[in-house]
Protein backbone atom coordinates (compact mmCIF):
# COMPACT_ATOMS: atom_id res chain seq x y z
CA MET A 1 24.79 2.60 2.49
CA MET A 2 24.55 -0.50 4.67
CA THR A 3 21.21 -1.90 3.60
CA ASP A 4 22.23 -5.47 2.89
CA GLY A 5 24.19 -6.07 6.11
CA ARG A 6 27.19 -7.50 4.30
CA GLY A 7 29.90 -5.19 5.50
CA GLY A 8 29.82 -2.27 3.06
CA PHE A 9 30.27 -0.11 6.14
CA LEU A 10 33.86 -1.38 6.48
CA ALA A 11 35.03 1.27 4.00
CA ASN A 12 33.77 4.01 6.35
CA TYR A 13 35.61 5.77 9.18
CA PRO A 14 36.45 4.47 11.78
CA PHE A 15 35.98 0.91 10.54
CA ALA A 16 38.50 1.09 7.67
CA ASP A 17 41.11 2.41 10.11
CA LEU A 18 40.27 -0.36 12.57
CA LEU A 19 40.99 -2.94 9.86
CA MET A 20 44.33 -1.24 9.11
CA LEU A 21 45.22 -1.69 12.79
CA GLY A 22 44.78 -5.44 12.38
CA TRP A 23 41.29 -5.82 13.82
CA ARG A 24 38.87 -8.20 12.08
CA PHE A 25 35.13 -7.88 11.56
CA VAL A 26 33.48 -10.97 13.06
CA CYS A 27 29.73 -10.56 12.69
CA PHE A 28 26.61 -8.46 13.05
CA ALA A 29 24.05 -9.02 15.76
CA PRO A 30 20.39 -8.84 14.63
CA PRO A 31 19.11 -5.31 13.84
CA GLU A 32 17.88 -3.27 16.79
CA THR A 33 16.14 0.05 17.19
CA PRO A 34 17.29 1.65 20.44
CA PRO A 35 14.49 3.30 22.46
CA GLY A 36 13.91 6.90 21.40
CA VAL A 37 16.00 6.53 18.25
CA GLY A 38 14.26 6.46 14.91
CA ILE A 39 16.90 4.42 13.14
CA GLY A 40 17.69 0.76 13.01
CA ALA A 41 21.17 -0.04 14.27
CA ARG A 42 23.20 -3.21 14.00
CA ARG A 43 25.82 -4.22 16.49
CA ALA A 44 29.13 -5.03 14.78
CA LEU A 45 31.74 -7.12 16.58
CA PHE A 46 35.48 -6.81 15.88
CA VAL A 47 38.36 -8.77 17.40
CA ASP A 48 42.15 -8.46 17.29
CA ASP A 49 44.92 -11.07 17.56
CA ASP A 50 45.05 -10.57 21.35
CA ASN A 51 41.32 -11.42 21.67
CA ARG A 52 40.38 -7.87 22.57
CA THR A 53 36.95 -6.96 21.27
CA MET A 54 35.31 -3.79 20.02
CA THR A 55 31.55 -3.61 19.59
CA PHE A 56 29.98 -0.78 17.59
CA ASP A 57 26.40 0.25 16.94
CA VAL A 58 26.31 0.88 13.19
CA ASP A 59 23.45 2.90 11.69
CA ARG A 60 21.74 2.21 8.37
CA HIS A 61 24.21 4.55 6.62
CA GLY A 62 27.16 2.49 7.84
CA GLN A 63 28.31 5.04 10.41
CA MET A 64 29.18 4.54 14.07
CA HIS A 65 26.13 5.41 16.14
CA ASP A 66 26.30 6.53 19.77
CA HIS A 67 29.30 4.65 21.19
CA ALA A 68 31.70 1.71 20.98
CA ILE A 69 32.57 -0.81 23.67
CA TYR A 70 36.16 -2.00 24.11
CA ALA A 71 36.96 -5.12 26.15
CA ALA A 72 40.38 -6.53 27.00
CA GLY A 73 40.41 -9.77 28.93
CA GLY A 74 37.56 -9.92 31.37
CA ASP A 75 38.79 -7.07 33.49
CA ILE A 76 38.82 -3.98 31.29
CA ILE A 77 35.66 -2.65 29.64
CA MET A 78 35.72 0.89 28.27
CA ILE A 79 33.16 2.96 26.41
CA ALA A 80 34.24 5.34 23.64
CA ASP A 81 31.79 8.07 22.71
CA SER A 82 33.45 9.05 19.43
CA PRO A 83 35.07 7.28 16.49
CA HIS A 84 38.41 8.91 17.34
CA ALA A 85 38.30 7.66 20.94
CA ALA A 86 37.39 4.16 19.70
CA LEU A 87 40.42 4.12 17.39
CA LEU A 88 42.73 5.25 20.18
CA LEU A 89 41.46 2.38 22.33
CA ALA A 90 41.96 -0.04 19.44
CA ALA A 91 45.52 1.21 18.91
CA SER A 92 46.43 1.03 22.60
CA PRO A 93 48.97 -1.59 23.68
CA LEU A 94 47.61 -4.74 25.27
CA THR A 95 49.54 -3.86 28.41
CA ALA A 96 47.94 -0.41 28.77
CA HIS A 97 46.74 0.23 32.31
CA PRO A 98 43.06 1.21 32.63
CA SER A 99 44.06 4.58 34.07
CA ALA A 100 46.01 5.32 30.87
CA LEU A 101 42.99 4.39 28.75
CA LEU A 102 40.81 6.72 30.81
CA GLU A 103 43.09 9.60 29.85
CA ILE A 104 41.79 9.33 26.29
CA ARG A 105 39.22 12.06 25.71
CA GLY A 106 35.77 10.52 25.26
CA VAL A 107 36.56 7.26 27.10
CA THR A 108 34.84 6.14 30.28
CA GLU A 109 35.01 2.90 32.22
CA PHE A 110 32.01 0.59 32.15
CA ARG A 111 30.74 -0.33 35.58
CA ASP A 112 27.86 -2.65 36.41
């Protein structure tokens, strides 16, 4: 369980796999309770050697909650709605075209 906020969640899927891919846990944002959701979630930030970022909402049990956000450079922002989709984004090559990332089931492009 992730009650102390110190990263015990990193042993859970998909976070352990993310670490095996070379991503690093950077920090937690302060706890939040999304509207209409009865759980407290913390936003966990990960980064890789190419400065791509992945941001996850992590529930109090240390599980991915709702979705993950993937950002590469300032131009590509994708949303993964499952742990599997998030890992496929994380494993994608830096040179992957956005259209190729959108072929991953459960991935959509973020638009303002």
